[in-house]
Amino acid sequence: MKAFIRANTRLLPVAGLCDGRGGIRQELLIWQADEITPIWSATEADLAREGLDPPFWAFPWAGGQAVARLILDRPELVRGKRVLDIAAGSGMIAIAAATSGAAEVLANDIDLMCEAATLLNAEANGVTISWRGGDLLQGPPPEVDVILAGDIFYQKQMAERFLDWLGRAAAQDVDVYAGDPGRAYAPLGGSAPIAEYDIETTADLESVTLRRSRVWKL
């Protein structure tokens, strides 16, 4: 899986991330698909023939970038704490937490490719991240201090499952932060977002080149 990622993506900085100190760019590197990599133009049918899910792990999605940027801007939210990045994809948020001084960072996703991507990306950024696979929503929230999630509100049933599970975690005094760039099932009726960012993206990925992304503390 790591060999597939190296062969089909490129190690690139995440353009939309900033460390919050005078606009200085945070050099956070992610193995990404772009217009010159083979996986960029691959269809779902092509990937099915390879036995792979669509490569959600190959893109720095706007909601995840918003959460990562919040953590880079305000490292005190995770410093010295046990952190879970759920639905981690590339592990971008987990890497931001580790870079910001989290005591322990755990990443989770149901896609096996995400483990390989996260560990490769952690290595590229010189941080250590632990991995836990499987559907964590089927059980109680793990024993962590902070849960971070980006771009989880894209489908109604999944959004409802996440909100229920994250709500239970928040009720256990876990700090829960979720980022979203205006997906259909984001929790717009709840409390006001604690941060908003204009996140750079691509028209091929999001149909626009800039998305207004928000982060809520649930």
Protein backbone atom coordinates (compact mmCIF):
# COMPACT_ATOMS: atom_id res chain seq x y z
CA MET A 1 0.00 0.00 0.00
CA LYS A 2 2.84 2.40 0.80
CA ALA A 3 4.46 1.58 -2.53
CA PHE A 4 1.17 2.29 -4.32
CA ILE A 5 0.90 5.68 -2.59
CA ARG A 6 4.48 6.64 -3.47
CA ALA A 7 3.94 5.61 -7.09
CA ASN A 8 0.61 7.40 -7.58
CA THR A 9 0.88 10.61 -5.52
CA ARG A 10 3.45 13.31 -4.74
CA LEU A 11 4.75 14.60 -1.42
CA LEU A 12 3.57 18.22 -1.40
CA PRO A 13 2.94 20.96 1.19
CA VAL A 14 -0.67 21.67 2.15
CA ALA A 15 -1.09 25.12 0.67
CA GLY A 16 -3.98 26.25 2.88
CA LEU A 17 -2.30 25.73 6.26
CA CYS A 18 -0.81 28.60 8.19
CA ASP A 19 0.70 28.62 11.67
CA GLY A 20 -1.06 31.80 12.80
CA ARG A 21 2.13 33.80 13.47
CA GLY A 22 2.15 36.61 10.97
CA GLY A 23 0.96 34.48 8.08
CA ILE A 24 4.07 32.27 8.02
CA ARG A 25 3.34 29.04 6.17
CA GLN A 26 3.47 25.82 8.16
CA GLU A 27 5.39 23.31 6.04
CA LEU A 28 3.11 20.33 6.56
CA LEU A 29 3.72 17.68 3.89
CA ILE A 30 1.14 15.19 2.59
CA TRP A 31 1.34 12.58 -0.15
CA GLN A 32 -1.28 14.07 -2.50
CA ALA A 33 -2.91 13.45 -5.86
CA ASP A 34 -2.64 16.30 -8.35
CA GLU A 35 -2.99 16.79 -12.07
CA ILE A 36 0.33 15.13 -12.90
CA THR A 37 -0.13 12.01 -10.74
CA PRO A 38 -1.71 8.84 -12.16
CA ILE A 39 -4.41 8.53 -9.51
CA TRP A 40 -5.80 12.02 -10.26
CA SER A 41 -7.47 10.83 -13.46
CA ALA A 42 -8.32 7.31 -12.30
CA THR A 43 -12.03 6.52 -12.19
CA GLU A 44 -13.78 4.56 -9.45
CA ALA A 45 -14.05 1.69 -11.93
CA ASP A 46 -10.28 1.77 -12.47
CA LEU A 47 -9.71 1.67 -8.72
CA ALA A 48 -12.22 -1.16 -8.29
CA ARG A 49 -10.16 -3.26 -10.67
CA GLU A 50 -7.22 -2.65 -8.33
CA GLY A 51 -9.37 -3.58 -5.32
CA LEU A 52 -9.15 -0.08 -3.85
CA ASP A 53 -11.71 2.38 -2.55
CA PRO A 54 -11.79 5.91 -4.03
CA PRO A 55 -8.64 7.70 -2.77
CA PHE A 56 -10.13 10.07 -0.20
CA TRP A 57 -6.78 9.80 1.61
CA ALA A 58 -5.01 11.49 -1.32
CA PHE A 59 -6.51 14.97 -0.88
CA PRO A 60 -6.27 17.63 1.87
CA TRP A 61 -10.03 18.23 2.15
CA ALA A 62 -11.15 21.72 3.14
CA GLY A 63 -12.91 20.75 6.38
CA GLY A 64 -9.85 18.86 7.56
CA GLN A 65 -7.62 21.78 6.66
CA ALA A 66 -9.78 24.05 8.82
CA VAL A 67 -9.38 21.77 11.85
CA ALA A 68 -5.65 21.41 11.23
CA ARG A 69 -5.29 25.16 10.93
CA LEU A 70 -7.20 25.73 14.17
CA ILE A 71 -4.82 23.37 15.97
CA LEU A 72 -1.76 25.03 14.44
CA ASP A 73 -3.13 28.47 15.37
CA ARG A 74 -4.07 27.37 18.90
CA PRO A 75 -1.73 24.54 19.96
CA GLU A 76 -2.89 24.85 23.56
CA LEU A 77 -6.05 22.97 22.51
CA VAL A 78 -4.02 19.76 22.19
CA ARG A 79 -0.70 20.38 23.91
CA GLY A 80 0.05 17.63 26.43
CA LYS A 81 -3.24 15.85 25.69
CA ARG A 82 -4.33 12.51 24.22
CA VAL A 83 -5.86 13.20 20.81
CA LEU A 84 -7.93 11.13 18.37
CA ASP A 85 -8.24 12.06 14.69
CA ILE A 86 -11.33 10.12 13.55
CA ALA A 87 -12.05 9.48 9.87
CA ALA A 88 -8.44 10.54 9.47
CA GLY A 89 -7.96 10.00 5.73
CA SER A 90 -4.42 11.23 5.10
CA GLY A 91 -3.77 11.84 8.80
CA MET A 92 -3.35 15.58 8.15
CA ILE A 93 -5.21 16.60 11.32
CA ALA A 94 -3.34 14.04 13.40
CA ILE A 95 -0.03 15.41 12.11
CA ALA A 96 -1.10 18.96 13.01
CA ALA A 97 -1.91 17.75 16.55
CA ALA A 98 1.42 15.96 16.92
CA THR A 99 3.26 19.01 15.57
CA SER A 100 1.42 21.16 18.12
CA GLY A 101 2.65 19.16 21.10
CA ALA A 102 -0.05 16.56 21.78
CA ALA A 103 1.19 13.95 24.25
CA GLU A 104 -0.27 11.08 22.21
CA VAL A 105 -2.04 11.05 18.84
CA LEU A 106 -4.27 8.23 17.63
CA ALA A 107 -5.63 8.17 14.06
CA ASN A 108 -8.58 6.08 12.86
CA ASP A 109 -10.31 5.30 9.59
CA ILE A 110 -12.22 2.36 8.13
CA ASP A 111 -10.19 2.46 4.88
CA LEU A 112 -7.05 0.33 5.10
CA MET A 113 -5.23 2.63 2.66
CA CYS A 114 -5.59 5.45 5.18
CA GLU A 115 -3.30 3.64 7.61
CA ALA A 116 -0.52 3.48 5.03
CA ALA A 117 -1.10 7.11 4.01
CA THR A 118 -1.16 8.36 7.60
CA LEU A 119 2.03 6.53 8.57
CA LEU A 120 3.83 7.73 5.44
CA ASN A 121 2.70 11.30 6.06
CA ALA A 122 3.70 11.12 9.73
CA GLU A 123 7.15 9.92 8.71
CA ALA A 124 7.48 12.76 6.18
CA ASN A 125 6.70 15.29 8.92
CA GLY A 126 8.89 13.72 11.60
CA VAL A 127 6.08 12.90 14.04
CA THR A 128 4.75 9.71 15.64
CA ILE A 129 1.11 8.69 15.26
CA SER A 130 -0.55 5.50 16.47
CA TRP A 131 -3.19 3.78 14.35
CA ARG A 132 -6.50 2.09 15.18
CA GLY A 133 -8.53 0.68 12.31
CA GLY A 134 -12.20 -0.24 12.11
CA ASP A 135 -15.47 1.52 12.82
CA LEU A 136 -15.09 3.24 16.19
CA LEU A 137 -18.70 4.43 16.00
CA GLN A 138 -19.82 0.90 16.90
CA GLY A 139 -18.42 1.24 20.41
CA PRO A 140 -17.88 3.84 23.13
CA PRO A 141 -15.46 6.71 22.49
CA PRO A 142 -11.88 5.79 23.44
CA GLU A 143 -10.12 7.27 26.46
CA VAL A 144 -8.77 10.48 24.97
CA ASP A 145 -8.92 14.15 25.91
CA VAL A 146 -9.62 15.58 22.46
CA ILE A 147 -11.37 14.27 19.33
CA LEU A 148 -10.81 16.00 15.99
CA ALA A 149 -12.81 15.37 12.80
CA GLY A 150 -12.93 16.96 9.36
CA ASP A 151 -15.37 16.53 6.46
CA ILE A 152 -17.63 13.95 8.11
CA PHE A 153 -21.01 15.52 7.23
CA TYR A 154 -21.18 14.59 3.54
CA GLN A 155 -23.89 11.90 3.87
CA LYS A 156 -27.04 12.07 6.02
CA GLN A 157 -26.91 8.72 7.80
CA MET A 158 -23.18 8.95 8.42
CA ALA A 159 -23.49 12.52 9.71
CA GLU A 160 -26.17 11.42 12.17
CA ARG A 161 -23.99 8.55 13.42
CA PHE A 162 -21.01 10.84 13.88
CA LEU A 163 -23.02 13.52 15.70
CA ASP A 164 -24.51 10.96 18.08
CA TRP A 165 -21.13 9.40 18.84
CA LEU A 166 -19.31 12.71 19.16
CA GLY A 167 -22.12 13.99 21.37
CA ARG A 168 -21.58 11.06 23.72
CA ALA A 169 -17.86 11.83 23.80
CA ALA A 170 -18.54 15.49 24.61
CA ALA A 171 -20.86 14.40 27.43
CA GLN A 172 -17.87 12.54 28.90
CA ASP A 173 -15.87 15.80 29.01
CA VAL A 174 -13.92 15.10 25.84
CA ASP A 175 -13.19 18.24 23.81
CA VAL A 176 -14.66 17.61 20.34
CA TYR A 177 -13.85 19.79 17.30
CA ALA A 178 -15.36 19.19 13.85
CA GLY A 179 -14.61 21.05 10.63
CA ASP A 180 -16.80 21.39 7.55
CA PRO A 181 -16.76 23.47 4.33
CA GLY A 182 -20.52 23.69 3.85
CA ARG A 183 -21.50 20.06 3.26
CA ALA A 184 -25.21 19.30 3.23
CA TYR A 185 -25.46 17.76 6.70
CA ALA A 186 -23.20 19.98 8.79
CA PRO A 187 -24.62 20.93 12.23
CA LEU A 188 -25.70 24.42 11.21
CA GLY A 189 -28.53 24.59 13.73
CA GLY A 190 -26.27 24.25 16.77
CA SER A 191 -23.81 26.63 18.35
CA ALA A 192 -21.81 29.16 16.36
CA PRO A 193 -18.49 28.00 14.90
CA ILE A 194 -15.39 28.85 16.91
CA ALA A 195 -13.28 29.48 13.81
CA GLU A 196 -13.73 30.21 10.11
CA TYR A 197 -11.14 30.07 7.35
CA ASP A 198 -10.98 30.58 3.60
CA ILE A 199 -9.30 27.37 2.47
CA GLU A 200 -7.53 27.01 -0.86
CA THR A 201 -8.72 24.06 -2.95
CA THR A 202 -9.04 23.15 -6.62
CA ALA A 203 -11.94 23.39 -9.04
CA ASP A 204 -11.41 19.77 -10.03
CA LEU A 205 -11.88 18.64 -6.43
CA GLU A 206 -14.47 21.07 -5.04
CA SER A 207 -15.79 22.94 -8.13
CA VAL A 208 -14.32 26.14 -6.62
CA THR A 209 -10.80 27.32 -5.76
CA LEU A 210 -11.69 28.71 -2.30
CA ARG A 211 -14.05 27.32 0.33
CA ARG A 212 -15.23 29.00 3.52
CA SER A 213 -14.69 26.31 6.15
CA ARG A 214 -15.89 26.38 9.74
CA VAL A 215 -14.91 24.54 12.92
CA TRP A 216 -17.37 23.81 15.72
CA LYS A 217 -16.73 22.71 19.26
CA LEU A 218 -19.50 20.18 19.81
